[in-house]
Amino acid sequence: MGRKYVRDLRWGWQCPRCETDVPVSRDPSTETFRWECPTESCLSVGFGFSSRRKARIALREYHERYQEIYR
């Protein structure tokens, strides 16, 4: 049994800065993928990825690196 999708959000992909669930979406103007934190006070964003998978991997890696800063 796999995870259920909600729009283009898969549970577990979180903003590195504020821990909010982050959607990965396609940018129609550039035909690349991006993620952007939906929280207005948070400015985290990633863009220019060639696939949804690469955007999610980058989001996870950014989250891991950001968490290591404060350990």
C-alpha atoms as a PDB file:
ATOM      1  CA  MET A   1       0.000   0.000   0.000  1.00  0.00           C
ATOM      2  CA  GLY A   2       1.586   3.272  -1.170  1.00  0.00           C
ATOM      3  CA  ARG A   3       1.209   6.760   0.104  1.00  0.00           C
ATOM      4  CA  LYS A   4      -1.827   8.720  -1.019  1.00  0.00           C
ATOM      5  CA  TYR A   5      -1.377  11.847  -3.094  1.00  0.00           C
ATOM      6  CA  VAL A   6      -3.038  15.117  -2.211  1.00  0.00           C
ATOM      7  CA  ARG A   7      -2.836  17.361  -5.287  1.00  0.00           C
ATOM      8  CA  ASP A   8       0.857  17.319  -6.155  1.00  0.00           C
ATOM      9  CA  LEU A   9       1.892  16.969  -2.502  1.00  0.00           C
ATOM     10  CA  ARG A  10       3.181  13.700  -1.141  1.00  0.00           C
ATOM     11  CA  TRP A  11       3.265  13.505   2.634  1.00  0.00           C
ATOM     12  CA  GLY A  12       6.700  13.732   4.141  1.00  0.00           C
ATOM     13  CA  TRP A  13       8.238  16.455   1.954  1.00  0.00           C
ATOM     14  CA  GLN A  14       8.817  19.292   4.388  1.00  0.00           C
ATOM     15  CA  CYS A  15      10.231  22.776   4.254  1.00  0.00           C
ATOM     16  CA  PRO A  16      13.775  22.800   5.653  1.00  0.00           C
ATOM     17  CA  ARG A  17      13.176  26.003   7.572  1.00  0.00           C
ATOM     18  CA  CYS A  18       9.676  25.731   9.045  1.00  0.00           C
ATOM     19  CA  GLU A  19       8.714  22.015   8.739  1.00  0.00           C
ATOM     20  CA  THR A  20       5.550  22.763   6.693  1.00  0.00           C
ATOM     21  CA  ASP A  21       4.501  20.212   4.049  1.00  0.00           C
ATOM     22  CA  VAL A  22       5.688  21.529   0.680  1.00  0.00           C
ATOM     23  CA  PRO A  23       4.129  20.837  -2.739  1.00  0.00           C
ATOM     24  CA  VAL A  24       6.274  20.193  -5.808  1.00  0.00           C
ATOM     25  CA  SER A  25       4.706  21.629  -8.939  1.00  0.00           C
ATOM     26  CA  ARG A  26       5.443  22.172 -12.604  1.00  0.00           C
ATOM     27  CA  ASP A  27       6.245  25.694 -13.764  1.00  0.00           C
ATOM     28  CA  PRO A  28       4.396  26.063 -17.092  1.00  0.00           C
ATOM     29  CA  SER A  29       6.493  29.020 -18.270  1.00  0.00           C
ATOM     30  CA  THR A  30       9.818  27.136 -18.034  1.00  0.00           C
ATOM     31  CA  GLU A  31       8.537  23.540 -18.136  1.00  0.00           C
ATOM     32  CA  THR A  32      10.659  22.717 -15.087  1.00  0.00           C
ATOM     33  CA  PHE A  33       9.657  21.691 -11.572  1.00  0.00           C
ATOM     34  CA  ARG A  34       9.793  23.780  -8.421  1.00  0.00           C
ATOM     35  CA  TRP A  35       8.943  23.682  -4.741  1.00  0.00           C
ATOM     36  CA  GLU A  36       7.969  26.670  -2.685  1.00  0.00           C
ATOM     37  CA  CYS A  37       7.048  26.867   0.982  1.00  0.00           C
ATOM     38  CA  PRO A  38       3.369  27.867   1.295  1.00  0.00           C
ATOM     39  CA  THR A  39       3.968  29.717   4.582  1.00  0.00           C
ATOM     40  CA  GLU A  40       3.977  33.467   3.932  1.00  0.00           C
ATOM     41  CA  SER A  41       6.677  34.197   6.504  1.00  0.00           C
ATOM     42  CA  CYS A  42       9.057  31.590   5.024  1.00  0.00           C
ATOM     43  CA  LEU A  43      11.057  32.396   1.895  1.00  0.00           C
ATOM     44  CA  SER A  44      12.337  28.895   1.032  1.00  0.00           C
ATOM     45  CA  VAL A  45      12.082  27.984  -2.632  1.00  0.00           C
ATOM     46  CA  GLY A  46      13.767  25.660  -5.109  1.00  0.00           C
ATOM     47  CA  PHE A  47      13.325  25.865  -8.881  1.00  0.00           C
ATOM     48  CA  GLY A  48      14.693  24.755 -12.238  1.00  0.00           C
ATOM     49  CA  PHE A  49      14.547  20.989 -11.663  1.00  0.00           C
ATOM     50  CA  SER A  50      14.159  18.771 -14.721  1.00  0.00           C
ATOM     51  CA  SER A  51      11.832  16.318 -12.946  1.00  0.00           C
ATOM     52  CA  ARG A  52       9.520  16.127  -9.945  1.00  0.00           C
ATOM     53  CA  ARG A  53      11.779  13.415  -8.498  1.00  0.00           C
ATOM     54  CA  LYS A  54      14.888  15.634  -8.686  1.00  0.00           C
ATOM     55  CA  ALA A  55      13.008  18.482  -7.026  1.00  0.00           C
ATOM     56  CA  ARG A  56      11.963  16.210  -4.145  1.00  0.00           C
ATOM     57  CA  ILE A  57      15.470  14.801  -3.743  1.00  0.00           C
ATOM     58  CA  ALA A  58      16.875  18.347  -3.617  1.00  0.00           C
ATOM     59  CA  LEU A  59      14.228  19.335  -1.074  1.00  0.00           C
ATOM     60  CA  ARG A  60      15.154  16.380   1.134  1.00  0.00           C
ATOM     61  CA  GLU A  61      18.888  17.099   0.841  1.00  0.00           C
ATOM     62  CA  TYR A  62      18.346  20.771   1.656  1.00  0.00           C
ATOM     63  CA  HIS A  63      16.260  19.746   4.674  1.00  0.00           C
ATOM     64  CA  GLU A  64      19.022  17.402   5.920  1.00  0.00           C
ATOM     65  CA  ARG A  65      21.764  20.037   5.451  1.00  0.00           C
ATOM     66  CA  TYR A  66      19.692  22.750   7.111  1.00  0.00           C
ATOM     67  CA  GLN A  67      18.968  20.523  10.122  1.00  0.00           C
ATOM     68  CA  GLU A  68      22.692  19.748  10.546  1.00  0.00           C
ATOM     69  CA  ILE A  69      23.492  23.457  10.906  1.00  0.00           C
ATOM     70  CA  TYR A  70      21.740  23.593  14.277  1.00  0.00           C
ATOM     71  CA  ARG A  71      22.997  20.322  15.745  1.00  0.00           C
END
